[in-house]
Each structure stands twice: as C-alpha cells, then as structure tokens.
C-alpha cells in the first residue's frame, strides 16, 4: 500500500514540477487521490459493479488539477 502511495506522490510531484497540474502539496494531493481511489474500489466491490469505477479516472484528473487533461481523454 505504501508503495502505491509513493508512486502517486512521485507522479503528482513530477507533473506539478513540469507545470502539468496545479497543486501546492503533492504529498497531500497523493494521499487524497489514493483515499478516493480506494473508496471507489471498495464501493464497486460492495455493489459487485465495475461500472461504478467508470468516472474515477476523470475525477482523479480533476482532483489533481488536470482539468484540461480530463477533458481531452
């Protein structure tokens, strides 16, 4: 679990350093993104319905400040 959080942190920090996303605190943004993702996965498991994960990608892109990227995909 910690490895996944670290991966998210590094990806968010690198994207912020390159100006691709807007975040003031990459560690906090990574924690929030991971928590959101795990909650969405848990909900999909509870309802046995993968369609509940359909918008997770777009929600996470918006969460990290990549609204433009979310609109392009």
PDB file of N, CA and C in Angstrom:
ATOM      1  N   UNK A   1       0.812  -1.181   0.000  1.00  0.00           N
ATOM      2  CA  UNK A   1       0.000   0.000   0.000  1.00  0.00           C
ATOM      3  C   UNK A   1       0.870   1.264   0.000  1.00  0.00           C
ATOM      4  N   UNK A   2       1.882   1.271   0.814  1.00  0.00           N
ATOM      5  CA  UNK A   2       2.766   2.440   0.875  1.00  0.00           C
ATOM      6  C   UNK A   2       3.485   2.666  -0.452  1.00  0.00           C
ATOM      7  N   UNK A   3       3.800   1.587  -1.144  1.00  0.00           N
ATOM      8  CA  UNK A   3       4.474   1.712  -2.435  1.00  0.00           C
ATOM      9  C   UNK A   3       3.570   2.413  -3.448  1.00  0.00           C
ATOM     10  N   UNK A   4       2.278   2.093  -3.408  1.00  0.00           N
ATOM     11  CA  UNK A   4       1.331   2.734  -4.312  1.00  0.00           C
ATOM     12  C   UNK A   4       1.187   4.215  -4.000  1.00  0.00           C
ATOM     13  N   UNK A   5       1.177   4.545  -2.715  1.00  0.00           N
ATOM     14  CA  UNK A   5       1.094   5.947  -2.308  1.00  0.00           C
ATOM     15  C   UNK A   5       2.335   6.709  -2.765  1.00  0.00           C
ATOM     16  N   UNK A   6       3.494   6.083  -2.619  1.00  0.00           N
ATOM     17  CA  UNK A   6       4.734   6.735  -3.030  1.00  0.00           C
ATOM     18  C   UNK A   6       4.749   6.943  -4.540  1.00  0.00           C
ATOM     19  N   UNK A   7       4.268   5.949  -5.294  1.00  0.00           N
ATOM     20  CA  UNK A   7       4.192   6.083  -6.747  1.00  0.00           C
ATOM     21  C   UNK A   7       3.312   7.274  -7.126  1.00  0.00           C
ATOM     22  N   UNK A   8       2.147   7.379  -6.495  1.00  0.00           N
ATOM     23  CA  UNK A   8       1.259   8.501  -6.765  1.00  0.00           C
ATOM     24  C   UNK A   8       1.919   9.823  -6.426  1.00  0.00           C
ATOM     25  N   UNK A   9       2.584   9.868  -5.274  1.00  0.00           N
ATOM     26  CA  UNK A   9       3.272  11.093  -4.852  1.00  0.00           C
ATOM     27  C   UNK A   9       4.309  11.526  -5.884  1.00  0.00           C
ATOM     28  N   UNK A  10       5.139  10.592  -6.318  1.00  0.00           N
ATOM     29  CA  UNK A  10       6.187  10.922  -7.285  1.00  0.00           C
ATOM     30  C   UNK A  10       5.575  11.385  -8.614  1.00  0.00           C
ATOM     31  N   UNK A  11       4.545  10.698  -9.066  1.00  0.00           N
ATOM     32  CA  UNK A  11       3.891  11.075 -10.324  1.00  0.00           C
ATOM     33  C   UNK A  11       3.277  12.465 -10.217  1.00  0.00           C
ATOM     34  N   UNK A  12       2.617  12.747  -9.109  1.00  0.00           N
ATOM     35  CA  UNK A  12       1.984  14.065  -8.916  1.00  0.00           C
ATOM     36  C   UNK A  12       3.043  15.145  -8.773  1.00  0.00           C
ATOM     37  N   UNK A  13       4.099  14.868  -8.024  1.00  0.00           N
ATOM     38  CA  UNK A  13       5.171  15.855  -7.850  1.00  0.00           C
ATOM     39  C   UNK A  13       5.852  16.161  -9.177  1.00  0.00           C
ATOM     40  N   UNK A  14       6.152  15.125  -9.964  1.00  0.00           N
ATOM     41  CA  UNK A  14       6.784  15.336 -11.268  1.00  0.00           C
ATOM     42  C   UNK A  14       5.889  16.152 -12.196  1.00  0.00           C
ATOM     43  N   UNK A  15       4.592  15.828 -12.207  1.00  0.00           N
ATOM     44  CA  UNK A  15       3.655  16.567 -13.063  1.00  0.00           C
ATOM     45  C   UNK A  15       3.538  18.017 -12.614  1.00  0.00           C
ATOM     46  N   UNK A  16       3.546  18.250 -11.309  1.00  0.00           N
ATOM     47  CA  UNK A  16       3.478  19.614 -10.786  1.00  0.00           C
ATOM     48  C   UNK A  16       4.750  20.376 -11.132  1.00  0.00           C
ATOM     49  N   UNK A  17       5.897  19.725 -11.011  1.00  0.00           N
ATOM     50  CA  UNK A  17       7.173  20.366 -11.349  1.00  0.00           C
ATOM     51  C   UNK A  17       7.240  20.755 -12.819  1.00  0.00           C
ATOM     52  N   UNK A  18       6.581  19.978 -13.660  1.00  0.00           N
ATOM     53  CA  UNK A  18       6.568  20.264 -15.097  1.00  0.00           C
ATOM     54  C   UNK A  18       5.438  21.216 -15.482  1.00  0.00           C
ATOM     55  N   UNK A  19       4.634  21.615 -14.511  1.00  0.00           N
ATOM     56  CA  UNK A  19       3.549  22.547 -14.770  1.00  0.00           C
ATOM     57  C   UNK A  19       2.328  21.925 -15.425  1.00  0.00           C
ATOM     58  N   UNK A  20       2.228  20.606 -15.361  1.00  0.00           N
ATOM     59  CA  UNK A  20       1.093  19.924 -15.984  1.00  0.00           C
ATOM     60  C   UNK A  20      -0.142  19.913 -15.104  1.00  0.00           C
ATOM     61  N   UNK A  21       0.063  20.003 -13.795  1.00  0.00           N
ATOM     62  CA  UNK A  21      -1.054  20.059 -12.859  1.00  0.00           C
ATOM     63  C   UNK A  21      -0.784  21.158 -11.850  1.00  0.00           C
ATOM     64  N   UNK A  22      -1.833  21.546 -11.139  1.00  0.00           N
ATOM     65  CA  UNK A  22      -1.709  22.593 -10.129  1.00  0.00           C
ATOM     66  C   UNK A  22      -1.976  21.994  -8.758  1.00  0.00           C
ATOM     67  N   UNK A  23      -0.954  21.979  -7.938  1.00  0.00           N
ATOM     68  CA  UNK A  23      -1.104  21.525  -6.555  1.00  0.00           C
ATOM     69  C   UNK A  23      -0.053  22.211  -5.708  1.00  0.00           C
ATOM     70  N   UNK A  24      -0.426  22.547  -4.498  1.00  0.00           N
ATOM     71  CA  UNK A  24       0.513  23.189  -3.580  1.00  0.00           C
ATOM     72  C   UNK A  24       1.277  22.162  -2.763  1.00  0.00           C
ATOM     73  N   UNK A  25       0.642  21.010  -2.512  1.00  0.00           N
ATOM     74  CA  UNK A  25       1.239  19.983  -1.667  1.00  0.00           C
ATOM     75  C   UNK A  25       1.042  18.621  -2.330  1.00  0.00           C
ATOM     76  N   UNK A  26       2.074  18.141  -2.999  1.00  0.00           N
ATOM     77  CA  UNK A  26       1.979  16.885  -3.743  1.00  0.00           C
ATOM     78  C   UNK A  26       1.684  15.705  -2.820  1.00  0.00           C
ATOM     79  N   UNK A  27       2.246  15.703  -1.631  1.00  0.00           N
ATOM     80  CA  UNK A  27       2.021  14.594  -0.703  1.00  0.00           C
ATOM     81  C   UNK A  27       0.557  14.533  -0.274  1.00  0.00           C
ATOM     82  N   UNK A  28      -0.015  15.671   0.041  1.00  0.00           N
ATOM     83  CA  UNK A  28      -1.425  15.702   0.458  1.00  0.00           C
ATOM     84  C   UNK A  28      -2.348  15.349  -0.703  1.00  0.00           C
ATOM     85  N   UNK A  29      -2.031  15.833  -1.887  1.00  0.00           N
ATOM     86  CA  UNK A  29      -2.831  15.513  -3.065  1.00  0.00           C
ATOM     87  C   UNK A  29      -2.770  14.020  -3.359  1.00  0.00           C
ATOM     88  N   UNK A  30      -1.595  13.425  -3.224  1.00  0.00           N
ATOM     89  CA  UNK A  30      -1.442  11.978  -3.444  1.00  0.00           C
ATOM     90  C   UNK A  30      -2.245  11.195  -2.411  1.00  0.00           C
ATOM     91  N   UNK A  31      -2.218  11.631  -1.161  1.00  0.00           N
ATOM     92  CA  UNK A  31      -2.981  10.954  -0.110  1.00  0.00           C
ATOM     93  C   UNK A  31      -4.478  11.009  -0.401  1.00  0.00           C
ATOM     94  N   UNK A  32      -4.950  12.181  -0.802  1.00  0.00           N
ATOM     95  CA  UNK A  32      -6.375  12.336  -1.127  1.00  0.00           C
ATOM     96  C   UNK A  32      -6.766  11.491  -2.339  1.00  0.00           C
ATOM     97  N   UNK A  33      -5.917  11.494  -3.359  1.00  0.00           N
ATOM     98  CA  UNK A  33      -6.208  10.720  -4.570  1.00  0.00           C
ATOM     99  C   UNK A  33      -6.255   9.226  -4.250  1.00  0.00           C
ATOM    100  N   UNK A  34      -5.318   8.758  -3.450  1.00  0.00           N
ATOM    101  CA  UNK A  34      -5.290   7.345  -3.078  1.00  0.00           C
ATOM    102  C   UNK A  34      -6.520   6.973  -2.253  1.00  0.00           C
ATOM    103  N   UNK A  35      -6.879   7.822  -1.319  1.00  0.00           N
ATOM    104  CA  UNK A  35      -8.050   7.564  -0.485  1.00  0.00           C
ATOM    105  C   UNK A  35      -9.314   7.524  -1.324  1.00  0.00           C
ATOM    106  N   UNK A  36      -9.446   8.455  -2.251  1.00  0.00           N
ATOM    107  CA  UNK A  36     -10.610   8.469  -3.137  1.00  0.00           C
ATOM    108  C   UNK A  36     -10.669   7.183  -3.968  1.00  0.00           C
ATOM    109  N   UNK A  37      -9.534   6.817  -4.551  1.00  0.00           N
ATOM    110  CA  UNK A  37      -9.478   5.618  -5.392  1.00  0.00           C
ATOM    111  C   UNK A  37      -9.855   4.364  -4.601  1.00  0.00           C
ATOM    112  N   UNK A  38      -9.290   4.212  -3.418  1.00  0.00           N
ATOM    113  CA  UNK A  38      -9.590   3.027  -2.615  1.00  0.00           C
ATOM    114  C   UNK A  38     -11.063   2.992  -2.208  1.00  0.00           C
ATOM    115  N   UNK A  39     -11.636   4.147  -1.916  1.00  0.00           N
ATOM    116  CA  UNK A  39     -13.053   4.208  -1.590  1.00  0.00           C
ATOM    117  C   UNK A  39     -13.920   3.801  -2.770  1.00  0.00           C
ATOM    118  N   UNK A  40     -13.541   4.247  -3.966  1.00  0.00           N
ATOM    119  CA  UNK A  40     -14.293   3.891  -5.169  1.00  0.00           C
ATOM    120  C   UNK A  40     -14.200   2.395  -5.443  1.00  0.00           C
ATOM    121  N   UNK A  41     -13.024   1.822  -5.261  1.00  0.00           N
ATOM    122  CA  UNK A  41     -12.848   0.382  -5.457  1.00  0.00           C
ATOM    123  C   UNK A  41     -13.677  -0.390  -4.435  1.00  0.00           C
ATOM    124  N   UNK A  42     -13.672   0.078  -3.190  1.00  0.00           N
ATOM    125  CA  UNK A  42     -14.453  -0.589  -2.154  1.00  0.00           C
ATOM    126  C   UNK A  42     -15.947  -0.540  -2.485  1.00  0.00           C
ATOM    127  N   UNK A  43     -16.416   0.601  -2.948  1.00  0.00           N
ATOM    128  CA  UNK A  43     -17.828   0.721  -3.329  1.00  0.00           C
ATOM    129  C   UNK A  43     -18.173  -0.240  -4.469  1.00  0.00           C
ATOM    130  N   UNK A  44     -17.301  -0.327  -5.464  1.00  0.00           N
ATOM    131  CA  UNK A  44     -17.542  -1.243  -6.586  1.00  0.00           C
ATOM    132  C   UNK A  44     -17.584  -2.691  -6.105  1.00  0.00           C
ATOM    133  N   UNK A  45     -16.738  -3.023  -5.154  1.00  0.00           N
ATOM    134  CA  UNK A  45     -16.745  -4.389  -4.603  1.00  0.00           C
ATOM    135  C   UNK A  45     -18.022  -4.668  -3.820  1.00  0.00           C
ATOM    136  N   UNK A  46     -18.425  -3.711  -3.012  1.00  0.00           N
ATOM    137  CA  UNK A  46     -19.636  -3.892  -2.201  1.00  0.00           C
ATOM    138  C   UNK A  46     -20.849  -4.140  -3.087  1.00  0.00           C
ATOM    139  N   UNK A  47     -20.963  -3.359  -4.156  1.00  0.00           N
ATOM    140  CA  UNK A  47     -22.109  -3.490  -5.052  1.00  0.00           C
ATOM    141  C   UNK A  47     -21.863  -4.486  -6.188  1.00  0.00           C
ATOM    142  N   UNK A  48     -20.664  -5.066  -6.231  1.00  0.00           N
ATOM    143  CA  UNK A  48     -20.296  -6.003  -7.286  1.00  0.00           C
ATOM    144  C   UNK A  48     -20.615  -5.419  -8.667  1.00  0.00           C
ATOM    145  N   UNK A  49     -20.141  -4.189  -8.871  1.00  0.00           N
ATOM    146  CA  UNK A  49     -20.496  -3.436 -10.076  1.00  0.00           C
ATOM    147  C   UNK A  49     -19.317  -2.561 -10.517  1.00  0.00           C
ATOM    148  N   UNK A  50     -18.584  -3.032 -11.520  1.00  0.00           N
ATOM    149  CA  UNK A  50     -17.424  -2.284 -12.004  1.00  0.00           C
ATOM    150  C   UNK A  50     -17.793  -0.965 -12.672  1.00  0.00           C
ATOM    151  N   UNK A  51     -19.024  -0.816 -13.088  1.00  0.00           N
ATOM    152  CA  UNK A  51     -19.424   0.435 -13.742  1.00  0.00           C
ATOM    153  C   UNK A  51     -19.316   1.621 -12.779  1.00  0.00           C
ATOM    154  N   UNK A  52     -19.268   1.347 -11.496  1.00  0.00           N
ATOM    155  CA  UNK A  52     -19.103   2.422 -10.509  1.00  0.00           C
ATOM    156  C   UNK A  52     -17.711   3.050 -10.582  1.00  0.00           C
ATOM    157  N   UNK A  53     -16.801   2.402 -11.309  1.00  0.00           N
ATOM    158  CA  UNK A  53     -15.448   2.946 -11.478  1.00  0.00           C
ATOM    159  C   UNK A  53     -15.286   3.721 -12.788  1.00  0.00           C
ATOM    160  N   UNK A  54     -16.356   3.862 -13.540  1.00  0.00           N
ATOM    161  CA  UNK A  54     -16.289   4.451 -14.878  1.00  0.00           C
ATOM    162  C   UNK A  54     -15.702   5.860 -14.890  1.00  0.00           C
ATOM    163  N   UNK A  55     -16.004   6.673 -13.907  1.00  0.00           N
ATOM    164  CA  UNK A  55     -15.561   8.067 -13.912  1.00  0.00           C
ATOM    165  C   UNK A  55     -14.384   8.341 -12.992  1.00  0.00           C
ATOM    166  N   UNK A  56     -13.833   7.306 -12.382  1.00  0.00           N
ATOM    167  CA  UNK A  56     -12.743   7.502 -11.433  1.00  0.00           C
ATOM    168  C   UNK A  56     -11.565   8.213 -12.090  1.00  0.00           C
ATOM    169  N   UNK A  57     -11.228   7.832 -13.285  1.00  0.00           N
ATOM    170  CA  UNK A  57     -10.101   8.443 -13.996  1.00  0.00           C
ATOM    171  C   UNK A  57     -10.285   9.953 -14.128  1.00  0.00           C
ATOM    172  N   UNK A  58     -11.475  10.354 -14.536  1.00  0.00           N
ATOM    173  CA  UNK A  58     -11.745  11.779 -14.738  1.00  0.00           C
ATOM    174  C   UNK A  58     -11.803  12.528 -13.411  1.00  0.00           C
ATOM    175  N   UNK A  59     -12.370  11.890 -12.404  1.00  0.00           N
ATOM    176  CA  UNK A  59     -12.430  12.503 -11.077  1.00  0.00           C
ATOM    177  C   UNK A  59     -11.029  12.727 -10.514  1.00  0.00           C
ATOM    178  N   UNK A  60     -10.147  11.751 -10.687  1.00  0.00           N
ATOM    179  CA  UNK A  60      -8.782  11.884 -10.183  1.00  0.00           C
ATOM    180  C   UNK A  60      -8.011  12.958 -10.945  1.00  0.00           C
ATOM    181  N   UNK A  61      -8.197  13.028 -12.245  1.00  0.00           N
ATOM    182  CA  UNK A  61      -7.526  14.077 -13.014  1.00  0.00           C
ATOM    183  C   UNK A  61      -7.975  15.458 -12.551  1.00  0.00           C
ATOM    184  N   UNK A  62      -9.252  15.593 -12.301  1.00  0.00           N
ATOM    185  CA  UNK A  62      -9.762  16.872 -11.805  1.00  0.00           C
ATOM    186  C   UNK A  62      -9.240  17.154 -10.397  1.00  0.00           C
ATOM    187  N   UNK A  63      -9.165  16.113  -9.574  1.00  0.00           N
ATOM    188  CA  UNK A  63      -8.704  16.267  -8.204  1.00  0.00           C
ATOM    189  C   UNK A  63      -7.272  16.795  -8.136  1.00  0.00           C
ATOM    190  N   UNK A  64      -6.433  16.362  -9.063  1.00  0.00           N
ATOM    191  CA  UNK A  64      -5.034  16.806  -9.032  1.00  0.00           C
ATOM    192  C   UNK A  64      -4.810  18.079  -9.839  1.00  0.00           C
ATOM    193  N   UNK A  65      -5.885  18.653 -10.338  1.00  0.00           N
ATOM    194  CA  UNK A  65      -5.755  19.937 -11.026  1.00  0.00           C
ATOM    195  C   UNK A  65      -5.452  19.798 -12.508  1.00  0.00           C
ATOM    196  N   UNK A  66      -5.796  18.674 -13.087  1.00  0.00           N
ATOM    197  CA  UNK A  66      -5.547  18.449 -14.519  1.00  0.00           C
ATOM    198  C   UNK A  66      -6.863  18.465 -15.279  1.00  0.00           C
ATOM    199  N   UNK A  67      -7.670  19.479 -15.048  1.00  0.00           N
ATOM    200  CA  UNK A  67      -8.987  19.552 -15.665  1.00  0.00           C
ATOM    201  C   UNK A  67      -8.895  19.510 -17.186  1.00  0.00           C
ATOM    202  N   UNK A  68      -7.916  20.193 -17.737  1.00  0.00           N
ATOM    203  CA  UNK A  68      -7.758  20.206 -19.190  1.00  0.00           C
ATOM    204  C   UNK A  68      -7.449  18.815 -19.718  1.00  0.00           C
ATOM    205  N   UNK A  69      -6.630  18.080 -18.997  1.00  0.00           N
ATOM    206  CA  UNK A  69      -6.277  16.713 -19.408  1.00  0.00           C
ATOM    207  C   UNK A  69      -7.498  15.808 -19.329  1.00  0.00           C
ATOM    208  N   UNK A  70      -8.324  16.031 -18.324  1.00  0.00           N
ATOM    209  CA  UNK A  70      -9.521  15.213 -18.167  1.00  0.00           C
ATOM    210  C   UNK A  70     -10.476  15.445 -19.327  1.00  0.00           C
ATOM    211  N   UNK A  71     -10.536  16.648 -19.832  1.00  0.00           N
ATOM    212  CA  UNK A  71     -11.445  16.957 -20.930  1.00  0.00           C
ATOM    213  C   UNK A  71     -10.948  16.367 -22.251  1.00  0.00           C
ATOM    214  N   UNK A  72      -9.648  16.175 -22.385  1.00  0.00           N
ATOM    215  CA  UNK A  72      -9.066  15.683 -23.632  1.00  0.00           C
ATOM    216  C   UNK A  72      -9.155  14.181 -23.776  1.00  0.00           C
ATOM    217  N   UNK A  73      -9.292  13.462 -22.652  1.00  0.00           N
ATOM    218  CA  UNK A  73      -9.292  11.994 -22.734  1.00  0.00           C
ATOM    219  C   UNK A  73     -10.674  11.434 -22.890  1.00  0.00           C
TER     220      UNK A  73
END
